[in-house]
Protein backbone atom coordinates (compact mmCIF):
# COMPACT_ATOMS: atom_id res chain seq x y z
CA MET A 1 -4.63 -71.56 91.28
CA ASN A 2 -1.40 -71.74 89.31
CA GLU A 3 -2.34 -68.69 87.21
CA TRP A 4 -3.34 -66.77 90.32
CA TRP A 5 0.03 -67.56 91.95
CA LYS A 6 2.00 -66.44 88.88
CA LYS A 7 0.07 -63.18 88.70
CA LYS A 8 0.60 -62.47 92.39
CA LYS A 9 4.29 -63.34 92.12
CA SER A 10 4.82 -61.02 89.16
CA LYS A 11 3.14 -58.13 91.05
CA THR A 12 5.35 -58.58 94.09
CA ARG A 13 8.45 -58.80 91.92
CA ARG A 14 7.56 -55.53 90.20
CA SER A 15 6.95 -53.77 93.48
CA ARG A 16 10.25 -55.01 94.94
CA LYS A 17 12.10 -54.05 91.79
CA ASN A 18 11.11 -50.36 91.96
CA LYS A 19 11.09 -50.01 95.73
CA GLY A 20 14.62 -48.79 96.52
CA ASN A 21 15.40 -46.58 93.52
CA TYR A 22 16.20 -42.89 93.96
CA THR A 23 14.58 -41.27 90.95
CA ILE A 24 14.87 -37.88 89.30
CA LYS A 25 11.54 -36.92 90.86
CA ASP A 26 12.94 -37.64 94.32
CA PHE A 27 16.04 -35.58 93.55
CA LEU A 28 14.03 -32.59 92.31
CA PHE A 29 11.71 -32.79 95.30
CA ASP A 30 14.71 -32.73 97.65
CA ILE A 31 16.19 -29.73 95.85
CA PHE A 32 12.92 -27.80 96.00
CA LEU A 33 12.77 -28.45 99.73
CA TRP A 34 16.37 -27.39 100.36
CA ILE A 35 16.38 -24.16 98.28
CA PRO A 36 14.32 -22.12 100.78
CA GLU A 37 16.40 -23.44 103.66
CA ILE A 38 19.66 -22.52 101.94
CA ILE A 39 18.39 -19.00 101.22
CA ILE A 40 16.83 -18.36 104.63
CA PHE A 41 19.61 -19.85 106.83
CA PRO A 42 22.25 -17.14 106.24
CA ILE A 43 19.66 -14.40 106.80
CA ARG A 44 18.52 -16.06 110.02
CA LEU A 45 22.13 -16.51 111.13
CA LEU A 46 22.89 -12.81 110.57
CA PHE A 47 19.71 -11.76 112.35
CA TRP A 48 20.47 -13.79 115.47
CA SER A 49 24.13 -12.72 115.46
CA PHE A 50 23.28 -9.02 115.26
CA ARG A 51 20.56 -9.42 117.86
CA GLY A 52 22.94 -11.14 120.27
CA LEU A 53 25.67 -8.58 119.59
CA PHE A 54 23.23 -5.69 120.15
CA ARG A 55 22.03 -7.20 123.45
CA TRP A 56 25.63 -7.72 124.58
CA ILE A 57 26.54 -4.09 123.74
CA THR A 58 23.48 -2.70 125.53
CA GLU A 59 24.29 -4.72 128.67
CA VAL A 60 27.93 -3.61 128.72
CA PHE A 61 27.22 0.12 128.26
């Protein structure tokens, strides 16, 4: 049982050791998720601004 306990303890230590690290893979994954949002947001903002401005002008005149 002593060997079994040491093996189990070493596995849990390894899993705890690597649990909270922010790795390069995580960073790259975050960047790949944010790139489309950064590109599309200004276009979406302009679209909704022009649409609102156009509706306001058509209501006034």
